[in-house]
Amino acid sequence: MTEMTYKAHAHWRDYLELTKPRVVLLLLLTALVGMCLASPTWVGWDVFIPAMAGIGLMSGSAAAVNHLVDRHIDARMARTLRRPLPSGSLSPRHVLGFAAVIGTLGFIVLALWVNMLTAWLTLTSLVGYAIVYTMYLKRATPQNIVIGGLAGAAPPLLGWTAVTNEIHPHAILLVMIVFTWTPPHFWALAVHRAKDYAKAEIPMLPVTHGIEFTKTCIFLYTILLAMICLLPYIVGMSGLIYLVGSSILSLWFLGYAWKLKFAPEKHTAYRMFGFSIWQLMALFVLLLVDHYVATPAI
């Protein structure tokens, strides 16, 4: 494929797709909650706007690098075959340049208008996802999601440090929630797409250890997630609104995990994957609402 062909097919929507906007929006929601929980009042716009912009730009940069590194894998999987690089809409050179520009811009925004701690932590997260996970862990171990998930769990901490310029145990607790949520979320998709991952020779857990073993791991991680989701209430970080709402969501997610393990239907894994996205969104919205309503804990 020639460079002229790449240019002829390039479109702004292709560049937008490189950033994985739906994933970045979910990350920004968790960062927003981190910012709000770090402050007794609404976060000032002078912090909110540059923090969200900088974190969003650097998250988009990491996603673009992921597209670049995984382009040959994406070309072998039905789910990713039509992405900008395997479809020929963009050239690797253009994607690399795009990732470098928005990543650098995001770092500058955070460094100049937020604080250096947040800038460096966000850069560390970018390197963790784009380099450590995408280039190494994804191809090296079936525990890729567990280890690499730490980079994707960082945004609540980044939001917290954007406001306070310090790392707090409550921010780490928010990271723990996202970190523990990641394996059952992604392994559910991996179960649904196991043949695709096997074809692409990616050592995802269903490929290396089998689907039944993966279902067991999903069930156990879902139990662990339910326990960790209680901690914000236990440590006094949230009140009854969060406790009731998160408990319902945890039981609902556990229901999916139980069904996937013991009574699966054709699309159970994919439905669990879809629900997990809404669950994480709802959990953080509950934290946000509870924080401003200030429901007292018992």
C-alpha atoms as a PDB file:
ATOM      1  CA  MET A   1       0.000   0.000   0.000  1.00  0.00           C
ATOM      2  CA  THR A   2       1.445   3.352  -1.010  1.00  0.00           C
ATOM      3  CA  GLU A   3       1.703   6.548   0.963  1.00  0.00           C
ATOM      4  CA  MET A   4      -0.657   8.245  -1.527  1.00  0.00           C
ATOM      5  CA  THR A   5      -3.296   5.606  -0.795  1.00  0.00           C
ATOM      6  CA  TYR A   6      -3.004   6.295   2.917  1.00  0.00           C
ATOM      7  CA  LYS A   7      -3.430  10.016   2.383  1.00  0.00           C
ATOM      8  CA  ALA A   8      -6.398   9.609   0.050  1.00  0.00           C
ATOM      9  CA  HIS A   9      -8.316   7.657   2.675  1.00  0.00           C
ATOM     10  CA  ALA A  10      -7.390   9.757   5.718  1.00  0.00           C
ATOM     11  CA  HIS A  11     -10.309  11.416   7.517  1.00  0.00           C
ATOM     12  CA  TRP A  12     -10.658  13.260  10.807  1.00  0.00           C
ATOM     13  CA  ARG A  13     -12.882  10.451  12.082  1.00  0.00           C
ATOM     14  CA  ASP A  14      -9.964   8.045  11.647  1.00  0.00           C
ATOM     15  CA  TYR A  15      -7.818  10.182  13.945  1.00  0.00           C
ATOM     16  CA  LEU A  16     -10.657  10.378  16.444  1.00  0.00           C
ATOM     17  CA  GLU A  17     -10.999   6.579  16.375  1.00  0.00           C
ATOM     18  CA  LEU A  18      -7.293   6.253  17.175  1.00  0.00           C
ATOM     19  CA  THR A  19      -7.935   7.867  20.560  1.00  0.00           C
ATOM     20  CA  LYS A  20     -10.578   5.267  21.535  1.00  0.00           C
ATOM     21  CA  PRO A  21     -12.974   8.061  22.557  1.00  0.00           C
ATOM     22  CA  ARG A  22     -15.454   5.881  24.448  1.00  0.00           C
ATOM     23  CA  VAL A  23     -12.677   4.396  26.558  1.00  0.00           C
ATOM     24  CA  VAL A  24     -11.145   7.830  27.170  1.00  0.00           C
ATOM     25  CA  LEU A  25     -14.525   9.247  28.219  1.00  0.00           C
ATOM     26  CA  LEU A  26     -14.863   6.477  30.811  1.00  0.00           C
ATOM     27  CA  LEU A  27     -11.350   7.215  32.062  1.00  0.00           C
ATOM     28  CA  LEU A  28     -12.166  10.917  32.258  1.00  0.00           C
ATOM     29  CA  LEU A  29     -15.272  10.157  34.306  1.00  0.00           C
ATOM     30  CA  THR A  30     -13.128   8.353  36.879  1.00  0.00           C
ATOM     31  CA  ALA A  31     -10.635  11.237  36.819  1.00  0.00           C
ATOM     32  CA  LEU A  32     -13.480  13.714  37.346  1.00  0.00           C
ATOM     33  CA  VAL A  33     -14.679  11.788  40.388  1.00  0.00           C
ATOM     34  CA  GLY A  34     -11.126  11.720  41.737  1.00  0.00           C
ATOM     35  CA  MET A  35     -10.987  15.510  41.410  1.00  0.00           C
ATOM     36  CA  CYS A  36     -14.346  16.054  43.059  1.00  0.00           C
ATOM     37  CA  LEU A  37     -13.727  13.691  45.974  1.00  0.00           C
ATOM     38  CA  ALA A  38     -10.489  15.536  46.678  1.00  0.00           C
ATOM     39  CA  SER A  39     -12.394  18.784  47.182  1.00  0.00           C
ATOM     40  CA  PRO A  40     -15.313  19.624  49.527  1.00  0.00           C
ATOM     41  CA  THR A  41     -16.766  21.896  46.839  1.00  0.00           C
ATOM     42  CA  TRP A  42     -16.923  21.816  43.064  1.00  0.00           C
ATOM     43  CA  VAL A  43     -13.476  21.926  41.468  1.00  0.00           C
ATOM     44  CA  GLY A  44     -12.472  25.320  40.094  1.00  0.00           C
ATOM     45  CA  TRP A  45     -12.582  25.660  36.324  1.00  0.00           C
ATOM     46  CA  ASP A  46      -8.961  26.803  36.303  1.00  0.00           C
ATOM     47  CA  VAL A  47      -8.003  23.262  37.414  1.00  0.00           C
ATOM     48  CA  PHE A  48     -10.879  21.268  35.953  1.00  0.00           C
ATOM     49  CA  ILE A  49     -10.442  22.290  32.302  1.00  0.00           C
ATOM     50  CA  PRO A  50      -6.661  21.833  31.944  1.00  0.00           C
ATOM     51  CA  ALA A  51      -6.678  18.648  34.034  1.00  0.00           C
ATOM     52  CA  MET A  52      -9.397  17.002  31.953  1.00  0.00           C
ATOM     53  CA  ALA A  53      -7.807  18.237  28.713  1.00  0.00           C
ATOM     54  CA  GLY A  54      -4.314  17.061  29.638  1.00  0.00           C
ATOM     55  CA  ILE A  55      -5.398  13.650  30.940  1.00  0.00           C
ATOM     56  CA  GLY A  56      -7.678  13.192  27.926  1.00  0.00           C
ATOM     57  CA  LEU A  57      -4.963  14.107  25.408  1.00  0.00           C
ATOM     58  CA  MET A  58      -2.386  11.790  26.970  1.00  0.00           C
ATOM     59  CA  SER A  59      -4.915   8.962  27.247  1.00  0.00           C
ATOM     60  CA  GLY A  60      -5.731   9.435  23.574  1.00  0.00           C
ATOM     61  CA  SER A  61      -2.020   9.358  22.768  1.00  0.00           C
ATOM     62  CA  ALA A  62      -1.607   6.045  24.595  1.00  0.00           C
ATOM     63  CA  ALA A  63      -4.577   4.638  22.674  1.00  0.00           C
ATOM     64  CA  ALA A  64      -3.057   5.764  19.354  1.00  0.00           C
ATOM     65  CA  VAL A  65       0.237   4.031  20.200  1.00  0.00           C
ATOM     66  CA  ASN A  66      -1.787   0.925  21.034  1.00  0.00           C
ATOM     67  CA  HIS A  67      -3.332   1.093  17.545  1.00  0.00           C
ATOM     68  CA  LEU A  68       0.115   1.498  16.009  1.00  0.00           C
ATOM     69  CA  VAL A  69       1.792  -1.381  17.831  1.00  0.00           C
ATOM     70  CA  ASP A  70      -1.176  -3.730  17.441  1.00  0.00           C
ATOM     71  CA  ARG A  71      -1.877  -3.011  13.753  1.00  0.00           C
ATOM     72  CA  HIS A  72      -0.712  -6.448  12.573  1.00  0.00           C
ATOM     73  CA  ILE A  73      -2.733  -8.186  15.302  1.00  0.00           C
ATOM     74  CA  ASP A  74      -5.775  -6.029  14.540  1.00  0.00           C
ATOM     75  CA  ALA A  75      -5.607  -7.088  10.895  1.00  0.00           C
ATOM     76  CA  ARG A  76      -6.109 -10.729  11.978  1.00  0.00           C
ATOM     77  CA  MET A  77      -9.097 -10.172  14.266  1.00  0.00           C
ATOM     78  CA  ALA A  78     -12.675  -9.627  13.101  1.00  0.00           C
ATOM     79  CA  ARG A  79     -13.372  -7.158  15.944  1.00  0.00           C
ATOM     80  CA  THR A  80     -10.519  -4.830  14.934  1.00  0.00           C
ATOM     81  CA  LEU A  81     -10.117  -5.436  11.218  1.00  0.00           C
ATOM     82  CA  ARG A  82     -11.689  -2.111  10.257  1.00  0.00           C
ATOM     83  CA  ARG A  83      -9.574   0.093  12.487  1.00  0.00           C
ATOM     84  CA  PRO A  84      -7.729   2.939  10.679  1.00  0.00           C
ATOM     85  CA  LEU A  85      -4.363   1.186  10.339  1.00  0.00           C
ATOM     86  CA  PRO A  86      -5.357  -2.332   9.212  1.00  0.00           C
ATOM     87  CA  SER A  87      -7.995  -0.855   6.888  1.00  0.00           C
ATOM     88  CA  GLY A  88      -5.371   1.417   5.293  1.00  0.00           C
ATOM     89  CA  SER A  89      -7.072   4.689   6.211  1.00  0.00           C
ATOM     90  CA  LEU A  90      -3.932   5.987   7.961  1.00  0.00           C
ATOM     91  CA  SER A  91      -0.225   5.248   7.677  1.00  0.00           C
ATOM     92  CA  PRO A  92       1.932   4.214  10.661  1.00  0.00           C
ATOM     93  CA  ARG A  93       3.968   7.406  10.255  1.00  0.00           C
ATOM     94  CA  HIS A  94       0.877   9.597  10.544  1.00  0.00           C
ATOM     95  CA  VAL A  95      -0.354   7.693  13.585  1.00  0.00           C
ATOM     96  CA  LEU A  96       3.020   7.988  15.327  1.00  0.00           C
ATOM     97  CA  GLY A  97       3.147  11.716  14.621  1.00  0.00           C
ATOM     98  CA  PHE A  98      -0.421  12.197  15.849  1.00  0.00           C
ATOM     99  CA  ALA A  99       0.285  10.284  19.075  1.00  0.00           C
ATOM    100  CA  ALA A 100       3.462  12.286  19.706  1.00  0.00           C
ATOM    101  CA  VAL A 101       1.754  15.633  19.146  1.00  0.00           C
ATOM    102  CA  ILE A 102      -1.284  15.096  21.372  1.00  0.00           C
ATOM    103  CA  GLY A 103       0.768  13.314  24.038  1.00  0.00           C
ATOM    104  CA  THR A 104       3.295  16.150  24.210  1.00  0.00           C
ATOM    105  CA  LEU A 105       0.529  18.740  24.231  1.00  0.00           C
ATOM    106  CA  GLY A 106      -1.243  16.936  27.068  1.00  0.00           C
ATOM    107  CA  PHE A 107       1.936  16.807  29.149  1.00  0.00           C
ATOM    108  CA  ILE A 108       2.595  20.519  28.590  1.00  0.00           C
ATOM    109  CA  VAL A 109      -0.969  21.426  29.612  1.00  0.00           C
ATOM    110  CA  LEU A 110      -0.685  19.419  32.839  1.00  0.00           C
ATOM    111  CA  ALA A 111       2.800  20.708  33.640  1.00  0.00           C
ATOM    112  CA  LEU A 112       1.965  24.379  33.072  1.00  0.00           C
ATOM    113  CA  TRP A 113      -1.617  24.676  34.303  1.00  0.00           C
ATOM    114  CA  VAL A 114      -2.086  21.795  36.775  1.00  0.00           C
ATOM    115  CA  ASN A 115       1.057  20.485  38.521  1.00  0.00           C
ATOM    116  CA  MET A 116       4.158  18.445  37.758  1.00  0.00           C
ATOM    117  CA  LEU A 117       3.090  15.502  39.929  1.00  0.00           C
ATOM    118  CA  THR A 118      -0.006  14.953  37.803  1.00  0.00           C
ATOM    119  CA  ALA A 119       1.981  15.473  34.586  1.00  0.00           C
ATOM    120  CA  TRP A 120       4.575  12.842  35.504  1.00  0.00           C
ATOM    121  CA  LEU A 121       2.023  10.363  36.857  1.00  0.00           C
ATOM    122  CA  THR A 122       0.003  10.687  33.647  1.00  0.00           C
ATOM    123  CA  LEU A 123       3.148  10.158  31.576  1.00  0.00           C
ATOM    124  CA  THR A 124       3.971   7.084  33.655  1.00  0.00           C
ATOM    125  CA  SER A 125       0.476   5.760  32.996  1.00  0.00           C
ATOM    126  CA  LEU A 126       0.881   6.419  29.263  1.00  0.00           C
ATOM    127  CA  VAL A 127       4.186   4.539  29.177  1.00  0.00           C
ATOM    128  CA  GLY A 128       2.708   1.720  31.251  1.00  0.00           C
ATOM    129  CA  TYR A 129      -0.173   1.187  28.833  1.00  0.00           C
ATOM    130  CA  ALA A 130       1.404   2.035  25.481  1.00  0.00           C
ATOM    131  CA  ILE A 131       4.847   0.532  26.060  1.00  0.00           C
ATOM    132  CA  VAL A 132       4.883  -1.954  28.960  1.00  0.00           C
ATOM    133  CA  TYR A 133       1.444  -3.461  28.366  1.00  0.00           C
ATOM    134  CA  THR A 134       0.997  -3.137  24.600  1.00  0.00           C
ATOM    135  CA  MET A 135       4.555  -3.919  23.509  1.00  0.00           C
ATOM    136  CA  TYR A 136       5.456  -6.536  26.108  1.00  0.00           C
ATOM    137  CA  LEU A 137       2.847  -7.841  28.559  1.00  0.00           C
ATOM    138  CA  LYS A 138       0.088  -8.359  26.002  1.00  0.00           C
ATOM    139  CA  ARG A 139       2.294 -10.766  24.062  1.00  0.00           C
ATOM    140  CA  ALA A 140       4.209 -12.284  26.968  1.00  0.00           C
ATOM    141  CA  THR A 141       1.812 -13.495  29.665  1.00  0.00           C
ATOM    142  CA  PRO A 142      -1.850 -14.456  30.199  1.00  0.00           C
ATOM    143  CA  GLN A 143      -1.714 -12.142  33.226  1.00  0.00           C
ATOM    144  CA  ASN A 144      -1.334  -9.198  30.812  1.00  0.00           C
ATOM    145  CA  ILE A 145      -4.664  -7.666  31.795  1.00  0.00           C
ATOM    146  CA  VAL A 146      -4.031  -8.021  35.527  1.00  0.00           C
ATOM    147  CA  ILE A 147      -0.578  -6.417  35.454  1.00  0.00           C
ATOM    148  CA  GLY A 148      -1.236  -3.916  32.679  1.00  0.00           C
ATOM    149  CA  GLY A 149      -4.554  -2.902  34.196  1.00  0.00           C
ATOM    150  CA  LEU A 150      -2.762  -0.690  36.694  1.00  0.00           C
ATOM    151  CA  ALA A 151      -2.082   1.894  33.973  1.00  0.00           C
ATOM    152  CA  GLY A 152      -5.757   2.045  33.053  1.00  0.00           C
ATOM    153  CA  ALA A 153      -6.714   2.343  36.716  1.00  0.00           C
ATOM    154  CA  ALA A 154      -4.656   5.505  37.260  1.00  0.00           C
ATOM    155  CA  PRO A 155      -7.105   8.293  36.192  1.00  0.00           C
ATOM    156  CA  PRO A 156      -8.877   8.623  39.586  1.00  0.00           C
ATOM    157  CA  LEU A 157      -5.467   9.178  41.173  1.00  0.00           C
ATOM    158  CA  LEU A 158      -4.572  11.678  38.458  1.00  0.00           C
ATOM    159  CA  GLY A 159      -7.768  13.593  39.141  1.00  0.00           C
ATOM    160  CA  TRP A 160      -7.034  13.628  42.858  1.00  0.00           C
ATOM    161  CA  THR A 161      -3.461  14.858  42.452  1.00  0.00           C
ATOM    162  CA  ALA A 162      -4.615  17.525  39.984  1.00  0.00           C
ATOM    163  CA  VAL A 163      -6.545  19.148  42.845  1.00  0.00           C
ATOM    164  CA  THR A 164      -4.303  18.422  45.844  1.00  0.00           C
ATOM    165  CA  ASN A 165      -0.826  17.882  44.352  1.00  0.00           C
ATOM    166  CA  GLU A 166      -0.431  14.891  46.663  1.00  0.00           C
ATOM    167  CA  ILE A 167      -1.207  11.151  46.736  1.00  0.00           C
ATOM    168  CA  HIS A 168      -3.873  10.200  49.287  1.00  0.00           C
ATOM    169  CA  PRO A 169      -5.038   6.732  50.479  1.00  0.00           C
ATOM    170  CA  HIS A 170      -8.575   7.489  49.289  1.00  0.00           C
ATOM    171  CA  ALA A 171      -7.236   8.054  45.777  1.00  0.00           C
ATOM    172  CA  ILE A 172      -5.443   4.695  45.954  1.00  0.00           C
ATOM    173  CA  LEU A 173      -8.752   3.101  46.956  1.00  0.00           C
ATOM    174  CA  LEU A 174     -10.370   4.465  43.792  1.00  0.00           C
ATOM    175  CA  VAL A 175      -7.484   2.985  41.790  1.00  0.00           C
ATOM    176  CA  MET A 176      -8.061  -0.371  43.502  1.00  0.00           C
ATOM    177  CA  ILE A 177     -11.686  -0.397  42.367  1.00  0.00           C
ATOM    178  CA  VAL A 178     -10.795   0.139  38.704  1.00  0.00           C
ATOM    179  CA  PHE A 179      -7.806  -2.217  38.932  1.00  0.00           C
ATOM    180  CA  THR A 180      -9.935  -5.068  40.329  1.00  0.00           C
ATOM    181  CA  TRP A 181     -12.760  -4.366  37.873  1.00  0.00           C
ATOM    182  CA  THR A 182     -10.480  -4.664  34.823  1.00  0.00           C
ATOM    183  CA  PRO A 183      -9.861  -8.461  34.743  1.00  0.00           C
ATOM    184  CA  PRO A 184     -13.512  -9.613  34.894  1.00  0.00           C
ATOM    185  CA  HIS A 185     -14.433  -6.828  32.466  1.00  0.00           C
ATOM    186  CA  PHE A 186     -11.833  -7.740  29.854  1.00  0.00           C
ATOM    187  CA  TRP A 187     -11.784 -11.508  30.409  1.00  0.00           C
ATOM    188  CA  ALA A 188     -15.523 -11.587  29.688  1.00  0.00           C
ATOM    189  CA  LEU A 189     -14.750 -10.085  26.265  1.00  0.00           C
ATOM    190  CA  ALA A 190     -11.819 -12.485  25.867  1.00  0.00           C
ATOM    191  CA  VAL A 191     -14.134 -15.453  26.488  1.00  0.00           C
ATOM    192  CA  HIS A 192     -16.512 -14.119  23.852  1.00  0.00           C
ATOM    193  CA  ARG A 193     -13.636 -13.528  21.386  1.00  0.00           C
ATOM    194  CA  ALA A 194     -11.410 -16.474  22.351  1.00  0.00           C
ATOM    195  CA  LYS A 195     -11.100 -17.752  18.766  1.00  0.00           C
ATOM    196  CA  ASP A 196     -10.036 -14.312  17.565  1.00  0.00           C
ATOM    197  CA  TYR A 197      -7.280 -14.085  20.183  1.00  0.00           C
ATOM    198  CA  ALA A 198      -6.119 -17.617  19.391  1.00  0.00           C
ATOM    199  CA  LYS A 199      -5.961 -16.748  15.695  1.00  0.00           C
ATOM    200  CA  ALA A 200      -3.898 -13.635  16.472  1.00  0.00           C
ATOM    201  CA  GLU A 201      -1.649 -15.697  18.808  1.00  0.00           C
ATOM    202  CA  ILE A 202      -2.275 -13.428  21.791  1.00  0.00           C
ATOM    203  CA  PRO A 203      -1.848 -15.312  25.098  1.00  0.00           C
ATOM    204  CA  MET A 204      -5.102 -14.202  26.647  1.00  0.00           C
ATOM    205  CA  LEU A 205      -6.243 -16.343  29.572  1.00  0.00           C
ATOM    206  CA  PRO A 206      -8.963 -18.258  27.628  1.00  0.00           C
ATOM    207  CA  VAL A 207      -6.350 -19.182  24.997  1.00  0.00           C
ATOM    208  CA  THR A 208      -3.630 -20.335  27.395  1.00  0.00           C
ATOM    209  CA  HIS A 209      -5.683 -21.825  30.238  1.00  0.00           C
ATOM    210  CA  GLY A 210      -9.053 -22.553  28.672  1.00  0.00           C
ATOM    211  CA  ILE A 211     -12.463 -20.936  28.847  1.00  0.00           C
ATOM    212  CA  GLU A 212     -13.663 -22.766  31.965  1.00  0.00           C
ATOM    213  CA  PHE A 213     -10.615 -21.710  33.976  1.00  0.00           C
ATOM    214  CA  THR A 214     -11.141 -18.129  32.799  1.00  0.00           C
ATOM    215  CA  LYS A 215     -14.780 -18.234  33.889  1.00  0.00           C
ATOM    216  CA  THR A 216     -13.667 -19.336  37.347  1.00  0.00           C
ATOM    217  CA  CYS A 217     -11.187 -16.449  37.522  1.00  0.00           C
ATOM    218  CA  ILE A 218     -13.895 -14.027  36.425  1.00  0.00           C
ATOM    219  CA  PHE A 219     -16.206 -15.287  39.173  1.00  0.00           C
ATOM    220  CA  LEU A 220     -13.509 -14.983  41.867  1.00  0.00           C
ATOM    221  CA  TYR A 221     -12.430 -11.516  40.730  1.00  0.00           C
ATOM    222  CA  THR A 222     -16.060 -10.397  40.730  1.00  0.00           C
ATOM    223  CA  ILE A 223     -16.370 -11.481  44.366  1.00  0.00           C
ATOM    224  CA  LEU A 224     -13.170  -9.593  45.186  1.00  0.00           C
ATOM    225  CA  LEU A 225     -14.484  -6.511  43.378  1.00  0.00           C
ATOM    226  CA  ALA A 226     -17.709  -6.629  45.401  1.00  0.00           C
ATOM    227  CA  MET A 227     -15.667  -6.650  48.608  1.00  0.00           C
ATOM    228  CA  ILE A 228     -13.422  -3.773  47.530  1.00  0.00           C
ATOM    229  CA  CYS A 229     -16.443  -1.724  46.465  1.00  0.00           C
ATOM    230  CA  LEU A 230     -17.556  -1.753  50.106  1.00  0.00           C
ATOM    231  CA  LEU A 231     -14.353  -0.079  51.288  1.00  0.00           C
ATOM    232  CA  PRO A 232     -15.301   3.536  50.431  1.00  0.00           C
ATOM    233  CA  TYR A 233     -18.215   3.224  52.866  1.00  0.00           C
ATOM    234  CA  ILE A 234     -16.219   1.312  55.477  1.00  0.00           C
ATOM    235  CA  VAL A 235     -13.446   3.934  55.629  1.00  0.00           C
ATOM    236  CA  GLY A 236     -15.920   6.818  55.741  1.00  0.00           C
ATOM    237  CA  MET A 237     -15.179   8.047  52.238  1.00  0.00           C
ATOM    238  CA  SER A 238     -18.832   7.693  51.174  1.00  0.00           C
ATOM    239  CA  GLY A 239     -22.275   7.260  52.701  1.00  0.00           C
ATOM    240  CA  LEU A 240     -25.528   5.357  52.303  1.00  0.00           C
ATOM    241  CA  ILE A 241     -26.289   6.395  48.730  1.00  0.00           C
ATOM    242  CA  TYR A 242     -23.062   4.821  47.540  1.00  0.00           C
ATOM    243  CA  LEU A 243     -23.401   1.788  49.835  1.00  0.00           C
ATOM    244  CA  VAL A 244     -26.877   0.866  48.600  1.00  0.00           C
ATOM    245  CA  GLY A 245     -26.189   1.612  44.949  1.00  0.00           C
ATOM    246  CA  SER A 246     -22.830  -0.138  44.794  1.00  0.00           C
ATOM    247  CA  SER A 247     -24.217  -3.191  46.601  1.00  0.00           C
ATOM    248  CA  ILE A 248     -26.971  -3.542  44.000  1.00  0.00           C
ATOM    249  CA  LEU A 249     -24.453  -3.182  41.182  1.00  0.00           C
ATOM    250  CA  SER A 250     -22.119  -5.742  42.766  1.00  0.00           C
ATOM    251  CA  LEU A 251     -24.911  -8.274  43.169  1.00  0.00           C
ATOM    252  CA  TRP A 252     -25.986  -7.679  39.566  1.00  0.00           C
ATOM    253  CA  PHE A 253     -22.414  -8.194  38.324  1.00  0.00           C
ATOM    254  CA  LEU A 254     -22.075 -11.299  40.489  1.00  0.00           C
ATOM    255  CA  GLY A 255     -25.236 -12.602  38.872  1.00  0.00           C
ATOM    256  CA  TYR A 256     -23.631 -12.297  35.455  1.00  0.00           C
ATOM    257  CA  ALA A 257     -20.456 -13.991  36.706  1.00  0.00           C
ATOM    258  CA  TRP A 258     -22.436 -16.858  38.253  1.00  0.00           C
ATOM    259  CA  LYS A 259     -24.437 -17.356  35.079  1.00  0.00           C
ATOM    260  CA  LEU A 260     -21.311 -17.254  32.918  1.00  0.00           C
ATOM    261  CA  LYS A 261     -19.687 -19.933  35.076  1.00  0.00           C
ATOM    262  CA  PHE A 262     -22.599 -22.233  35.815  1.00  0.00           C
ATOM    263  CA  ALA A 263     -25.397 -21.585  33.303  1.00  0.00           C
ATOM    264  CA  PRO A 264     -23.971 -19.775  30.262  1.00  0.00           C
ATOM    265  CA  GLU A 265     -25.934 -18.939  27.148  1.00  0.00           C
ATOM    266  CA  LYS A 266     -24.516 -17.964  23.765  1.00  0.00           C
ATOM    267  CA  HIS A 267     -24.042 -14.262  24.502  1.00  0.00           C
ATOM    268  CA  THR A 268     -23.653 -14.281  28.305  1.00  0.00           C
ATOM    269  CA  ALA A 269     -19.969 -13.329  28.205  1.00  0.00           C
ATOM    270  CA  TYR A 270     -20.548 -10.402  25.879  1.00  0.00           C
ATOM    271  CA  ARG A 271     -23.527  -9.186  27.913  1.00  0.00           C
ATOM    272  CA  MET A 272     -21.404  -9.320  31.054  1.00  0.00           C
ATOM    273  CA  PHE A 273     -18.730  -7.299  29.267  1.00  0.00           C
ATOM    274  CA  GLY A 274     -21.308  -4.692  28.231  1.00  0.00           C
ATOM    275  CA  PHE A 275     -22.808  -4.501  31.709  1.00  0.00           C
ATOM    276  CA  SER A 276     -19.392  -4.079  33.313  1.00  0.00           C
ATOM    277  CA  ILE A 277     -18.903  -0.776  31.480  1.00  0.00           C
ATOM    278  CA  TRP A 278     -22.188   0.582  32.803  1.00  0.00           C
ATOM    279  CA  GLN A 279     -21.365  -0.770  36.256  1.00  0.00           C
ATOM    280  CA  LEU A 280     -18.101   1.170  36.503  1.00  0.00           C
ATOM    281  CA  MET A 281     -19.773   4.331  35.232  1.00  0.00           C
ATOM    282  CA  ALA A 282     -22.592   3.957  37.751  1.00  0.00           C
ATOM    283  CA  LEU A 283     -20.184   3.248  40.628  1.00  0.00           C
ATOM    284  CA  PHE A 284     -18.309   6.478  40.057  1.00  0.00           C
ATOM    285  CA  VAL A 285     -21.467   8.493  39.494  1.00  0.00           C
ATOM    286  CA  LEU A 286     -22.727   7.153  42.838  1.00  0.00           C
ATOM    287  CA  LEU A 287     -19.493   8.274  44.497  1.00  0.00           C
ATOM    288  CA  LEU A 288     -19.966  11.709  42.968  1.00  0.00           C
ATOM    289  CA  VAL A 289     -23.620  12.067  43.993  1.00  0.00           C
ATOM    290  CA  ASP A 290     -22.944  10.742  47.481  1.00  0.00           C
ATOM    291  CA  HIS A 291     -20.070  13.181  47.933  1.00  0.00           C
ATOM    292  CA  TYR A 292     -22.171  16.254  47.214  1.00  0.00           C
ATOM    293  CA  VAL A 293     -25.348  15.063  48.917  1.00  0.00           C
ATOM    294  CA  ALA A 294     -23.128  14.223  51.930  1.00  0.00           C
ATOM    295  CA  THR A 295     -25.262  11.399  53.233  1.00  0.00           C
ATOM    296  CA  PRO A 296     -23.936  10.551  56.715  1.00  0.00           C
ATOM    297  CA  ALA A 297     -22.574   7.062  57.291  1.00  0.00           C
ATOM    298  CA  ILE A 298     -24.134   4.985  60.036  1.00  0.00           C
END
